[in-house]
Amino acid sequence: MLKSLTIKNLAIIEDITIDFSSGLTCLTGETGAGKSLLIDSLNLIFGKRADSDLIRFGAEQAYIKAHFINLDEKITTYLKSQELPDKDLIIERVITIKGSNKVLVNDVLVTLQSLKELAFLIGDIHEQHDTASLINPETSLTILDAFGNLTEVLNSYLILKFNYEEKSKLYEHALKETIKQQDQLDKFKYYYDELTKANLVFDELTALKEQINTLRNKKEIVTNLEKAYENIKIITEEDLLYQSLKALQSLEKFNLGNLQERVANSYYELDDLKGEIYQKLLEVKDVSLLELNNLEERYFFLKELEKKYQKPLNSLITYQEELQDEILKLENYDLYLEKLLKQKEKAYQEAFKSAEDISQKRQKLALMLEKEFIASLKNLAIDYVSFKVHFKKTELTNNGIDDVIFLISLNEGEPLKPFYKTASGGELSRSMFALKMIYGKVHNLSLMVFDEIDLGVSGEASLKVADALEQLAKERQVIAITHLPQVASKASFHYHITKATNQERTTTNLKLLKGEERVYQLAYLLSGSKLTEGALLHAKELLKEKKP
């Protein structure tokens, strides 16, 4: 039960605290006095997103606190599951201009989502625009699902539906790609064959570069030894040094020193040197040049492959393996398609089965709702009611496989039609009231709040609505904003809301009416601004009729 509500610096509300009791509490007041701000405050307590525009002009923050007592078992169970104190329940909302808002449950910071989950267990708030949802056929399914609390199963279904959509997209994409497969297969096979024949080895280019540098040094030695050998060979082949020796030998009778000996030594030394250089050349040359040519050819071949495929050598080896996988996939593409199709069909069956389960739950809910709704409306001064929750099967949508619309007839002999084609304003209000009463019963709510649920209701119907609210308040706490004296007279607590201007600032004021003040307020609601004796007597009679 909501024990009290404190509101500070919210729009034209400066600082008020409202005490509530079990049973029915009514709030009356002129339009614009601040009644709807009380609904806004309760909506914030129930998890509505905060807007800094609600903060009273000149204030840094707005503050709302709700104190609940005598908690239901489902509420205490939830609090325990969240490791929160569970004796009483105090919910606080702090809204700041800077946006550093706070949500506290029993002095513990919680998320807005956690607050919404908790509020769902506490009660329900009817706002004036909620009634308009009845004239929108698209909201019928939303209303029906709310009775069954199908959020969790719908979320599970949506996961399955999303999985089916992803599998379907994958299959359709693969199907469109079929035409391109043969061209890709031929291309991949060519690439794979070329890379396979290349006998690629990790880090081969680095190793080749080192070997080539070593062999290029050997090439320089071979080149210069060949040059030296060829030059000495020219000298020895032309026999010029030998002829010089013969010439000096003919001059032996002349004393020319050791010239003959020196030339002879040079001749024999040069011949020996030629043989040694040739032997060294054979040793060094061996097969080095052939090996160098082969290595260089291999090196430049690999560099060309890198350039062609725009990949370094090691990546080409990885790419070769990838090509093998792609070729295997393409060569078995029919099997791949068949696999994707089976995955798609399985995902569809899982999603459809979930949607069917939800549909069956909805149809059971619909039977209950039809029966309860007709009975409730008949208690609200509507003599004839025929009501049907009409189902139409659809393809898989975010709502399952059901398209639902509420059909109603309020005149015997008239066919069932959507609400917007047949119900008046007062009939729409009473229809929404009936739905809300059933909703509260189904979910065993401890608190129900109504903002002008009696809009457009008059005459005998207003008495029936008042009686229904009074009866409802015996089962759960009810807070109602109303302009109907018949409803206000049934309240255990009757607050009157006014606004006043002081020092050029407007402020909402709240007063608990008792005795004559309450009689006068009811008379005012009956007759308008001009009070009459008849209105006063009628007001007193209404209060006397209040059931104990």
Protein backbone atom coordinates (compact mmCIF):
# COMPACT_ATOMS: atom_id res chain seq x y z
CA MET A 1 0.00 0.00 0.00
CA LEU A 2 1.20 3.51 -0.82
CA LYS A 3 1.47 5.27 2.55
CA SER A 4 2.77 8.64 1.44
CA LEU A 5 4.07 10.60 -1.56
CA THR A 6 6.46 13.54 -1.21
CA ILE A 7 7.05 15.89 -4.15
CA LYS A 8 9.52 18.78 -4.18
CA ASN A 9 10.25 21.30 -6.92
CA LEU A 10 8.32 19.55 -9.68
CA ALA A 11 6.86 22.15 -12.09
CA ILE A 12 4.45 24.26 -10.01
CA ILE A 13 4.66 21.94 -7.00
CA GLU A 14 7.10 23.38 -4.47
CA ASP A 15 6.85 20.97 -1.53
CA ILE A 16 3.90 18.74 -0.68
CA THR A 17 3.40 15.43 1.07
CA ILE A 18 0.25 13.39 0.53
CA ASP A 19 -0.78 10.71 3.01
CA PHE A 20 -2.81 7.82 1.66
CA SER A 21 -4.84 5.07 3.23
CA SER A 22 -6.19 1.77 2.04
CA GLY A 23 -9.41 1.98 0.07
CA LEU A 24 -10.27 4.82 -2.29
CA THR A 25 -8.50 8.19 -2.35
CA CYS A 26 -9.90 10.84 -4.70
CA LEU A 27 -8.31 14.04 -5.89
CA THR A 28 -10.35 16.89 -7.34
CA GLY A 29 -9.43 20.35 -8.56
CA GLU A 30 -9.58 22.77 -11.44
CA THR A 31 -7.86 22.01 -14.72
CA GLY A 32 -4.23 23.15 -14.52
CA ALA A 33 -4.10 23.08 -10.72
CA GLY A 34 -1.53 20.28 -10.74
CA LYS A 35 -3.53 17.05 -10.56
CA SER A 36 -1.70 15.55 -13.54
CA LEU A 37 1.62 16.40 -11.88
CA LEU A 38 0.71 13.86 -9.21
CA ILE A 39 0.29 11.29 -11.98
CA ASP A 40 3.65 12.39 -13.44
CA SER A 41 5.24 11.92 -10.02
CA LEU A 42 3.81 8.43 -9.65
CA ASN A 43 4.95 7.60 -13.18
CA LEU A 44 8.49 8.58 -12.15
CA ILE A 45 8.18 6.33 -9.10
CA PHE A 46 7.06 3.56 -11.49
CA GLY A 47 10.14 3.96 -13.69
CA LYS A 48 9.28 6.58 -16.32
CA ARG A 49 12.31 8.33 -17.79
CA ALA A 50 12.93 11.71 -16.16
CA ASP A 51 12.92 15.03 -18.01
CA SER A 52 14.81 17.98 -16.53
CA ASP A 53 12.09 20.29 -17.92
CA LEU A 54 9.91 19.10 -15.02
CA ILE A 55 12.21 20.79 -12.49
CA ARG A 56 10.62 23.88 -10.94
CA PHE A 57 12.04 27.13 -12.33
CA GLY A 58 14.89 28.36 -10.16
CA ALA A 59 15.52 25.00 -8.46
CA GLU A 60 18.57 22.78 -9.02
CA GLN A 61 16.71 19.50 -8.68
CA ALA A 62 13.31 17.83 -8.25
CA TYR A 63 12.71 15.13 -5.67
CA ILE A 64 9.97 12.51 -5.41
CA LYS A 65 9.66 9.90 -2.67
CA ALA A 66 7.04 7.17 -2.27
CA HIS A 67 6.69 5.10 0.89
CA PHE A 68 4.95 1.72 0.62
CA ILE A 69 3.94 -0.50 3.55
CA ASN A 70 2.24 -3.89 4.02
CA LEU A 71 4.12 -5.28 1.03
CA ASP A 72 2.80 -8.23 -0.97
CA GLU A 73 4.80 -11.44 -0.96
CA LYS A 74 5.75 -11.02 -4.63
CA ILE A 75 7.26 -7.60 -3.84
CA THR A 76 9.26 -8.81 -0.83
CA THR A 77 10.45 -11.79 -2.87
CA TYR A 78 11.70 -9.45 -5.59
CA LEU A 79 13.45 -7.20 -3.07
CA LYS A 80 15.20 -10.20 -1.53
CA SER A 81 16.29 -11.40 -4.96
CA GLN A 82 17.92 -8.00 -5.49
CA GLU A 83 19.47 -8.10 -2.00
CA LEU A 84 17.43 -5.06 -0.91
CA PRO A 85 15.80 -4.49 2.51
CA ASP A 86 12.23 -5.83 2.37
CA LYS A 87 10.38 -4.58 5.47
CA ASP A 88 9.01 -1.40 3.89
CA LEU A 89 9.58 0.00 0.42
CA ILE A 90 10.85 3.54 -0.16
CA ILE A 91 11.42 4.63 -3.76
CA GLU A 92 13.17 7.94 -4.45
CA ARG A 93 13.83 9.80 -7.69
CA VAL A 94 16.24 12.72 -7.87
CA ILE A 95 16.17 14.74 -11.10
CA THR A 96 18.87 17.36 -11.60
CA ILE A 97 19.39 20.11 -14.15
CA LYS A 98 22.86 18.69 -14.91
CA GLY A 99 21.40 15.26 -15.66
CA SER A 100 23.02 13.39 -12.75
CA ASN A 101 19.73 11.71 -11.84
CA LYS A 102 19.35 9.05 -9.17
CA VAL A 103 17.01 6.14 -8.58
CA LEU A 104 17.02 4.73 -5.05
CA VAL A 105 15.16 1.77 -3.61
CA ASN A 106 15.46 1.52 0.17
CA ASP A 107 18.53 3.82 0.04
CA VAL A 108 20.25 1.66 -2.60
CA LEU A 109 21.02 2.99 -6.08
CA VAL A 110 19.30 0.89 -8.76
CA THR A 111 18.84 1.04 -12.51
CA LEU A 112 15.71 2.40 -14.16
CA GLN A 113 15.02 -1.07 -15.59
CA SER A 114 15.10 -2.60 -12.10
CA LEU A 115 12.64 0.04 -10.94
CA LYS A 116 10.30 -0.79 -13.82
CA GLU A 117 10.41 -4.48 -12.92
CA LEU A 118 9.55 -3.63 -9.31
CA ALA A 119 6.78 -1.20 -10.31
CA PHE A 120 5.13 -3.88 -12.45
CA LEU A 121 4.61 -5.89 -9.24
CA ILE A 122 3.26 -2.90 -7.29
CA GLY A 123 0.48 -1.54 -9.44
CA ASP A 124 -0.81 0.15 -12.56
CA ILE A 125 -1.34 3.76 -13.59
CA HIS A 126 -4.07 4.77 -16.03
CA GLU A 127 -3.45 8.04 -17.85
CA GLN A 128 -6.05 9.98 -19.81
CA HIS A 129 -4.51 9.15 -23.19
CA ASP A 130 -4.61 5.42 -22.42
CA THR A 131 -8.31 5.32 -23.27
CA ALA A 132 -7.52 6.53 -26.77
CA SER A 133 -5.56 3.31 -27.34
CA LEU A 134 -8.86 1.45 -27.57
CA ILE A 135 -9.73 3.23 -30.80
CA ASN A 136 -6.43 2.19 -32.34
CA PRO A 137 -6.79 -1.41 -33.59
CA GLU A 138 -3.03 -1.87 -33.56
CA THR A 139 -2.95 -1.68 -29.75
CA SER A 140 -5.38 -4.58 -29.19
CA LEU A 141 -2.57 -7.14 -29.23
CA THR A 142 -0.48 -5.07 -26.82
CA ILE A 143 -3.40 -4.87 -24.38
CA LEU A 144 -4.09 -8.60 -24.65
CA ASP A 145 -0.43 -9.49 -24.05
CA ALA A 146 -0.35 -7.27 -20.96
CA PHE A 147 -3.00 -9.46 -19.34
CA GLY A 148 -0.87 -12.55 -19.83
CA ASN A 149 2.45 -10.92 -18.91
CA LEU A 150 3.90 -12.40 -22.10
CA THR A 151 6.97 -10.16 -22.23
CA GLU A 152 9.43 -12.92 -21.34
CA VAL A 153 8.08 -15.48 -23.81
CA LEU A 154 7.87 -12.80 -26.51
CA ASN A 155 11.52 -11.90 -25.94
CA SER A 156 12.47 -15.58 -26.26
CA TYR A 157 10.44 -15.78 -29.48
CA LEU A 158 12.14 -12.68 -30.89
CA ILE A 159 15.55 -14.29 -30.35
CA LEU A 160 14.40 -17.33 -32.34
CA LYS A 161 12.87 -15.14 -35.05
CA PHE A 162 16.08 -13.13 -35.35
CA ASN A 163 18.05 -16.39 -35.67
CA TYR A 164 15.70 -17.53 -38.45
CA GLU A 165 16.09 -14.21 -40.28
CA GLU A 166 19.87 -14.45 -40.10
CA LYS A 167 19.86 -18.04 -41.40
CA SER A 168 17.46 -17.00 -44.17
CA LYS A 169 19.68 -14.09 -45.23
CA LEU A 170 22.71 -16.38 -45.29
CA TYR A 171 20.92 -18.93 -47.47
CA GLU A 172 19.46 -16.35 -49.87
CA HIS A 173 22.86 -14.72 -50.28
CA ALA A 174 24.49 -18.08 -50.98
CA LEU A 175 21.76 -18.87 -53.51
CA LYS A 176 22.39 -15.64 -55.43
CA GLU A 177 26.08 -16.38 -55.49
CA THR A 178 25.60 -19.69 -57.33
CA ILE A 179 26.09 -18.10 -60.79
CA LYS A 180 29.46 -16.74 -59.80
CA GLN A 181 30.69 -20.00 -58.37
CA GLN A 182 32.12 -21.62 -61.54
CA ASP A 183 34.12 -18.51 -62.48
CA GLN A 184 35.47 -18.33 -58.97
CA LEU A 185 36.28 -22.02 -58.96
CA ASP A 186 38.31 -21.77 -62.18
CA LYS A 187 40.16 -18.73 -60.90
CA PHE A 188 40.91 -20.25 -57.51
CA LYS A 189 42.13 -23.49 -59.10
CA TYR A 190 44.53 -21.54 -61.36
CA TYR A 191 45.90 -19.61 -58.39
CA TYR A 192 46.21 -22.73 -56.29
CA ASP A 193 48.02 -24.67 -59.00
CA GLU A 194 50.45 -21.83 -59.60
CA LEU A 195 51.25 -21.47 -55.90
CA THR A 196 51.51 -25.22 -55.42
CA LYS A 197 54.01 -25.55 -58.29
CA ALA A 198 56.02 -22.73 -56.74
CA ASN A 199 56.79 -24.98 -53.74
CA LEU A 200 56.65 -22.03 -51.35
CA VAL A 201 58.58 -22.22 -48.09
CA PHE A 202 58.21 -19.88 -45.09
CA ASP A 203 60.94 -17.17 -44.97
CA GLU A 204 62.53 -18.53 -48.19
CA LEU A 205 63.27 -15.07 -49.57
CA THR A 206 65.35 -14.17 -46.56
CA ALA A 207 67.40 -17.36 -46.89
CA LEU A 208 67.87 -16.83 -50.65
CA LYS A 209 69.09 -13.28 -50.13
CA GLU A 210 71.77 -14.43 -47.71
CA GLN A 211 72.97 -17.21 -50.07
CA ILE A 212 73.03 -14.85 -53.07
CA ASN A 213 75.13 -12.28 -51.20
CA THR A 214 77.65 -15.00 -50.28
CA LEU A 215 77.87 -16.31 -53.83
CA ARG A 216 78.19 -12.83 -55.30
CA ASN A 217 81.47 -12.43 -53.34
CA LYS A 218 82.74 -15.68 -54.92
CA LYS A 219 81.88 -14.31 -58.33
CA GLU A 220 84.20 -11.34 -57.82
CA ILE A 221 87.12 -13.71 -56.94
CA VAL A 222 86.48 -15.91 -59.98
CA THR A 223 86.28 -12.91 -62.31
CA ASN A 224 89.64 -11.48 -61.23
CA LEU A 225 91.42 -14.86 -61.19
CA GLU A 226 90.24 -15.44 -64.75
CA LYS A 227 91.55 -12.03 -65.76
CA ALA A 228 94.97 -12.71 -64.17
CA TYR A 229 95.18 -16.15 -65.73
CA GLU A 230 94.27 -14.87 -69.20
CA ASN A 231 96.90 -12.14 -69.07
CA ILE A 232 99.69 -14.54 -67.96
CA LYS A 233 98.51 -17.01 -70.57
CA ILE A 234 98.95 -14.36 -73.29
CA ILE A 235 102.53 -13.76 -72.14
CA THR A 236 103.43 -17.44 -72.06
CA GLU A 237 101.72 -18.32 -75.32
CA GLU A 238 103.57 -15.62 -77.28
CA ASP A 239 106.90 -16.93 -75.77
CA LEU A 240 108.35 -13.40 -75.54
CA LEU A 241 110.08 -14.02 -72.20
CA TYR A 242 111.73 -17.20 -73.61
CA GLN A 243 113.00 -15.24 -76.63
CA SER A 244 114.47 -12.63 -74.29
CA LEU A 245 116.28 -15.40 -72.38
CA LYS A 246 117.78 -16.79 -75.68
CA ALA A 247 118.96 -13.34 -76.64
CA LEU A 248 120.77 -12.86 -73.33
CA GLN A 249 122.33 -16.35 -73.56
CA SER A 250 123.96 -15.29 -76.89
CA LEU A 251 125.66 -12.46 -74.98
CA GLU A 252 127.09 -14.78 -72.33
CA LYS A 253 130.73 -13.90 -73.39
CA PHE A 254 130.08 -10.36 -72.41
CA ASN A 255 130.05 -9.54 -68.76
CA LEU A 256 126.47 -8.32 -68.32
CA GLY A 257 126.04 -9.36 -64.71
CA ASN A 258 123.15 -11.62 -63.67
CA LEU A 259 120.62 -10.46 -66.26
CA GLN A 260 120.49 -13.89 -67.91
CA GLU A 261 119.86 -15.58 -64.56
CA ARG A 262 117.10 -13.17 -63.59
CA VAL A 263 115.25 -13.56 -66.90
CA ALA A 264 115.56 -17.32 -66.67
CA ASN A 265 114.14 -17.29 -63.17
CA SER A 266 111.22 -15.05 -64.34
CA TYR A 267 110.47 -17.36 -67.23
CA TYR A 268 110.22 -20.46 -65.07
CA GLU A 269 108.41 -18.54 -62.22
CA LEU A 270 105.77 -17.21 -64.62
CA ASP A 271 105.11 -20.66 -65.97
CA ASP A 272 104.65 -22.02 -62.45
CA LEU A 273 102.41 -19.02 -61.53
CA LYS A 274 100.16 -19.66 -64.50
CA GLY A 275 99.61 -23.24 -63.35
CA GLU A 276 98.89 -22.19 -59.76
CA ILE A 277 96.40 -19.49 -60.78
CA TYR A 278 94.61 -21.94 -63.04
CA GLN A 279 94.40 -24.52 -60.25
CA LYS A 280 93.04 -21.89 -57.81
CA LEU A 281 90.51 -20.80 -60.41
CA LEU A 282 89.22 -24.35 -60.75
CA GLU A 283 88.95 -24.69 -57.00
CA VAL A 284 87.02 -21.44 -56.46
CA LYS A 285 84.85 -21.58 -59.54
CA ASP A 286 83.60 -25.14 -59.07
CA VAL A 287 79.78 -24.80 -59.46
CA SER A 288 79.34 -21.38 -57.70
CA LEU A 289 78.24 -19.43 -60.75
CA LEU A 290 75.64 -22.00 -61.76
CA GLU A 291 74.27 -22.08 -58.23
CA LEU A 292 74.16 -18.26 -58.08
CA ASN A 293 72.21 -18.07 -61.32
CA ASN A 294 69.69 -20.61 -60.05
CA LEU A 295 69.28 -18.80 -56.73
CA GLU A 296 68.83 -15.43 -58.43
CA GLU A 297 66.23 -16.86 -60.78
CA ARG A 298 64.34 -18.33 -57.81
CA TYR A 299 64.56 -15.07 -55.88
CA PHE A 300 63.19 -12.93 -58.72
CA PHE A 301 60.46 -15.52 -59.44
CA LEU A 302 59.22 -15.29 -55.85
CA LYS A 303 59.31 -11.48 -55.91
CA GLU A 304 57.16 -11.55 -59.05
CA LEU A 305 54.64 -13.78 -57.27
CA GLU A 306 54.48 -11.30 -54.38
CA LYS A 307 53.87 -8.47 -56.83
CA LYS A 308 51.20 -10.40 -58.72
CA TYR A 309 49.17 -11.40 -55.66
CA GLN A 310 49.91 -8.27 -53.66
CA LYS A 311 50.90 -10.41 -50.69
CA PRO A 312 54.21 -11.15 -48.95
CA LEU A 313 55.59 -14.66 -49.34
CA ASN A 314 54.46 -15.99 -45.96
CA SER A 315 50.93 -14.64 -46.55
CA LEU A 316 50.93 -16.38 -49.93
CA ILE A 317 51.46 -19.70 -48.18
CA THR A 318 48.47 -18.97 -45.92
CA TYR A 319 46.48 -17.82 -48.96
CA GLN A 320 47.28 -21.12 -50.68
CA GLU A 321 45.66 -22.98 -47.77
CA GLU A 322 42.64 -20.63 -47.93
CA LEU A 323 42.32 -21.29 -51.64
CA GLN A 324 42.21 -25.00 -50.94
CA ASP A 325 39.31 -24.47 -48.51
CA GLU A 326 37.49 -22.23 -51.00
CA ILE A 327 37.93 -24.74 -53.80
CA LEU A 328 36.59 -27.48 -51.55
CA LYS A 329 33.61 -25.30 -50.65
CA LEU A 330 32.91 -24.39 -54.27
CA GLU A 331 33.27 -27.96 -55.49
CA ASN A 332 30.76 -28.97 -52.81
CA TYR A 333 28.56 -25.88 -53.13
CA ASP A 334 25.37 -27.87 -53.57
CA LEU A 335 26.07 -29.60 -50.28
CA TYR A 336 26.82 -26.23 -48.72
CA LEU A 337 23.50 -24.83 -49.98
CA GLU A 338 21.65 -27.87 -48.71
CA LYS A 339 23.24 -27.43 -45.29
CA LEU A 340 22.22 -23.75 -45.17
CA LEU A 341 18.68 -24.61 -46.26
CA LYS A 342 18.34 -27.18 -43.48
CA GLN A 343 19.61 -24.65 -40.94
CA LYS A 344 17.11 -22.10 -42.22
CA GLU A 345 14.18 -24.55 -42.06
CA LYS A 346 15.14 -25.67 -38.56
CA ALA A 347 15.35 -22.06 -37.35
CA TYR A 348 11.94 -21.34 -38.90
CA GLN A 349 10.34 -24.33 -37.19
CA GLU A 350 11.76 -23.27 -33.84
CA ALA A 351 10.49 -19.70 -34.25
CA PHE A 352 7.10 -20.86 -35.56
CA LYS A 353 6.68 -23.33 -32.69
CA SER A 354 7.38 -20.52 -30.21
CA ALA A 355 4.90 -18.25 -32.01
CA GLU A 356 2.26 -21.01 -31.94
CA ASP A 357 2.74 -21.48 -28.19
CA ILE A 358 2.27 -17.74 -27.68
CA SER A 359 -0.82 -17.79 -29.91
CA GLN A 360 -2.37 -20.58 -27.83
CA LYS A 361 -1.70 -18.62 -24.64
CA ARG A 362 -3.33 -15.57 -26.23
CA GLN A 363 -6.43 -17.49 -27.25
CA LYS A 364 -6.89 -18.76 -23.69
CA LEU A 365 -6.43 -15.21 -22.44
CA ALA A 366 -8.95 -13.99 -25.01
CA LEU A 367 -11.65 -16.38 -23.77
CA MET A 368 -11.09 -15.19 -20.20
CA LEU A 369 -11.03 -11.55 -21.25
CA GLU A 370 -14.22 -11.81 -23.32
CA LYS A 371 -16.15 -13.29 -20.40
CA GLU A 372 -14.78 -10.90 -17.76
CA PHE A 373 -15.08 -7.82 -19.98
CA ILE A 374 -18.74 -8.41 -20.81
CA ALA A 375 -19.58 -8.97 -17.13
CA SER A 376 -17.68 -5.85 -16.04
CA LEU A 377 -19.26 -3.59 -18.66
CA LYS A 378 -22.76 -4.74 -17.72
CA ASN A 379 -22.00 -3.57 -14.18
CA LEU A 380 -21.13 -0.15 -15.59
CA ALA A 381 -24.61 0.69 -16.95
CA ILE A 382 -24.16 -0.84 -20.40
CA ASP A 383 -27.15 -3.14 -20.86
CA TYR A 384 -26.09 -4.98 -23.98
CA VAL A 385 -22.50 -6.02 -24.66
CA SER A 386 -21.08 -8.38 -27.23
CA PHE A 387 -17.30 -8.51 -27.28
CA LYS A 388 -14.91 -10.61 -29.29
CA VAL A 389 -11.13 -10.82 -29.49
CA HIS A 390 -10.71 -11.50 -33.21
CA PHE A 391 -7.61 -13.39 -34.35
CA LYS A 392 -6.12 -13.42 -37.82
CA LYS A 393 -3.08 -15.53 -38.64
CA THR A 394 -0.05 -13.80 -40.16
CA GLU A 395 3.46 -14.64 -41.24
CA LEU A 396 6.14 -14.40 -38.57
CA THR A 397 6.28 -10.83 -37.25
CA ASN A 398 7.78 -9.26 -34.15
CA ASN A 399 4.46 -10.03 -32.43
CA GLY A 400 4.34 -13.68 -33.46
CA ILE A 401 1.75 -15.05 -35.89
CA ASP A 402 -1.30 -13.19 -34.56
CA ASP A 403 -3.03 -10.07 -35.74
CA VAL A 404 -5.58 -9.18 -33.04
CA ILE A 405 -8.39 -6.66 -32.97
CA PHE A 406 -11.06 -6.02 -30.32
CA LEU A 407 -14.57 -6.07 -31.75
CA ILE A 408 -17.58 -4.83 -29.81
CA SER A 409 -21.30 -4.28 -30.21
CA LEU A 410 -23.20 -2.19 -27.66
CA ASN A 411 -26.59 -2.43 -29.35
CA GLU A 412 -28.47 -5.66 -29.82
CA GLY A 413 -28.81 -6.62 -33.46
CA GLU A 414 -25.76 -4.58 -34.50
CA PRO A 415 -22.69 -6.42 -35.83
CA LEU A 416 -19.37 -6.50 -34.03
CA LYS A 417 -17.13 -3.58 -35.01
CA PRO A 418 -13.83 -2.05 -33.85
CA PHE A 419 -14.19 0.35 -30.90
CA TYR A 420 -13.55 3.43 -33.00
CA LYS A 421 -16.57 2.65 -35.18
CA THR A 422 -19.13 2.10 -32.46
CA ALA A 423 -18.23 3.37 -28.96
CA SER A 424 -18.91 6.88 -27.62
CA GLY A 425 -16.48 8.75 -25.35
CA GLY A 426 -18.21 7.59 -22.19
CA GLU A 427 -18.40 4.03 -23.47
CA LEU A 428 -14.68 4.08 -24.28
CA SER A 429 -13.90 5.29 -20.74
CA ARG A 430 -16.00 2.55 -19.18
CA SER A 431 -14.48 -0.04 -21.51
CA MET A 432 -10.98 0.98 -20.45
CA PHE A 433 -12.07 0.95 -16.80
CA ALA A 434 -13.38 -2.58 -17.25
CA LEU A 435 -10.09 -3.69 -18.82
CA LYS A 436 -8.10 -2.08 -16.02
CA MET A 437 -10.19 -3.79 -13.34
CA ILE A 438 -9.62 -7.15 -15.00
CA TYR A 439 -5.91 -6.39 -15.36
CA GLY A 440 -5.62 -5.59 -11.66
CA LYS A 441 -7.44 -8.78 -10.77
CA VAL A 442 -5.35 -10.99 -13.08
CA HIS A 443 -2.05 -9.63 -11.72
CA ASN A 444 -3.30 -9.18 -8.14
CA LEU A 445 -2.06 -5.60 -7.98
CA SER A 446 -2.05 -3.79 -4.64
CA LEU A 447 -2.34 -0.29 -6.15
CA MET A 448 -4.32 1.11 -9.07
CA VAL A 449 -4.23 4.76 -10.13
CA PHE A 450 -6.82 6.34 -12.43
CA ASP A 451 -6.54 9.74 -14.08
CA GLU A 452 -10.11 10.68 -15.07
CA ILE A 453 -11.15 7.15 -15.96
CA ASP A 454 -14.70 8.55 -15.78
CA LEU A 455 -14.17 11.08 -18.58
CA GLY A 456 -17.33 11.50 -20.65
CA VAL A 457 -19.44 9.51 -18.17
CA SER A 458 -22.67 11.00 -16.81
CA GLY A 459 -26.09 10.15 -15.40
CA GLU A 460 -26.69 6.63 -14.14
CA ALA A 461 -23.37 5.52 -15.60
CA SER A 462 -21.48 7.85 -13.23
CA LEU A 463 -23.15 6.16 -10.25
CA LYS A 464 -22.18 2.73 -11.59
CA VAL A 465 -18.57 3.82 -12.14
CA ALA A 466 -18.49 5.24 -8.61
CA ASP A 467 -19.86 2.01 -7.15
CA ALA A 468 -17.34 -0.01 -9.15
CA LEU A 469 -14.44 2.10 -7.89
CA GLU A 470 -15.72 1.76 -4.34
CA GLN A 471 -15.95 -2.01 -4.72
CA LEU A 472 -12.52 -2.18 -6.33
CA ALA A 473 -11.07 -0.22 -3.40
CA LYS A 474 -12.14 -3.00 -1.06
CA GLU A 475 -9.82 -5.38 -2.91
CA ARG A 476 -6.85 -3.07 -3.57
CA GLN A 477 -5.74 0.51 -2.95
CA VAL A 478 -7.23 2.93 -5.47
CA ILE A 479 -6.23 6.53 -6.23
CA ALA A 480 -8.50 8.40 -8.63
CA ILE A 481 -8.41 11.88 -10.12
CA THR A 482 -11.99 12.77 -10.94
CA HIS A 483 -14.45 15.52 -11.84
CA LEU A 484 -17.45 13.41 -10.89
CA PRO A 485 -19.02 14.13 -7.48
CA GLN A 486 -20.49 10.60 -7.47
CA VAL A 487 -16.96 9.18 -7.56
CA ALA A 488 -15.45 11.69 -5.10
CA SER A 489 -18.20 10.97 -2.58
CA LYS A 490 -17.11 7.32 -2.37
CA ALA A 491 -13.57 8.19 -1.26
CA SER A 492 -12.19 7.41 2.17
CA PHE A 493 -9.78 10.33 1.63
CA HIS A 494 -10.77 13.31 -0.53
CA TYR A 495 -8.02 15.78 -1.43
CA HIS A 496 -8.69 19.04 -3.21
CA ILE A 497 -5.92 20.57 -5.33
CA THR A 498 -5.64 24.30 -6.03
CA LYS A 499 -2.98 26.64 -7.27
CA ALA A 500 -2.15 30.07 -5.92
CA THR A 501 0.18 32.90 -6.89
CA ASN A 502 2.40 34.42 -4.24
CA GLN A 503 5.18 36.91 -4.94
CA GLU A 504 4.79 36.28 -8.67
CA ARG A 505 5.28 32.51 -8.29
CA THR A 506 2.55 29.90 -8.82
CA THR A 507 2.37 27.00 -6.38
CA THR A 508 0.15 23.93 -6.11
CA ASN A 509 -1.61 23.46 -2.79
CA LEU A 510 -3.26 20.34 -1.45
CA LYS A 511 -5.92 20.03 1.22
CA LEU A 512 -7.60 17.01 2.78
CA LEU A 513 -11.33 17.79 2.83
CA LYS A 514 -13.45 16.91 5.81
CA GLY A 515 -16.95 17.74 7.02
CA GLU A 516 -18.54 20.80 5.48
CA GLU A 517 -15.55 21.51 3.26
CA ARG A 518 -16.10 18.22 1.54
CA VAL A 519 -19.86 18.84 1.21
CA TYR A 520 -19.19 22.21 -0.43
CA GLN A 521 -16.65 20.73 -2.83
CA LEU A 522 -19.05 17.99 -3.90
CA ALA A 523 -21.82 20.57 -4.31
CA TYR A 524 -19.45 22.64 -6.42
CA LEU A 525 -18.77 19.61 -8.65
CA LEU A 526 -22.54 19.09 -8.94
CA SER A 527 -23.62 22.63 -9.80
CA GLY A 528 -20.57 24.53 -10.94
CA SER A 529 -19.43 27.87 -9.60
CA LYS A 530 -22.88 28.86 -8.28
CA LEU A 531 -23.78 26.76 -5.26
CA THR A 532 -27.41 25.99 -4.65
CA GLU A 533 -29.28 24.49 -1.73
CA GLY A 534 -30.24 21.60 -3.96
CA ALA A 535 -26.61 20.90 -4.76
CA LEU A 536 -25.66 20.99 -1.08
CA LEU A 537 -28.48 18.59 -0.19
CA HIS A 538 -27.48 16.30 -3.06
CA ALA A 539 -23.88 16.36 -1.85
CA LYS A 540 -24.90 15.34 1.63
CA GLU A 541 -27.06 12.54 0.23
CA LEU A 542 -24.10 11.24 -1.81
CA LEU A 543 -21.94 11.09 1.30
CA LYS A 544 -24.66 9.27 3.19
CA GLU A 545 -24.87 6.67 0.42
CA LYS A 546 -21.19 5.78 0.82
CA LYS A 547 -20.97 2.15 1.81
CA PRO A 548 -19.20 1.40 5.10
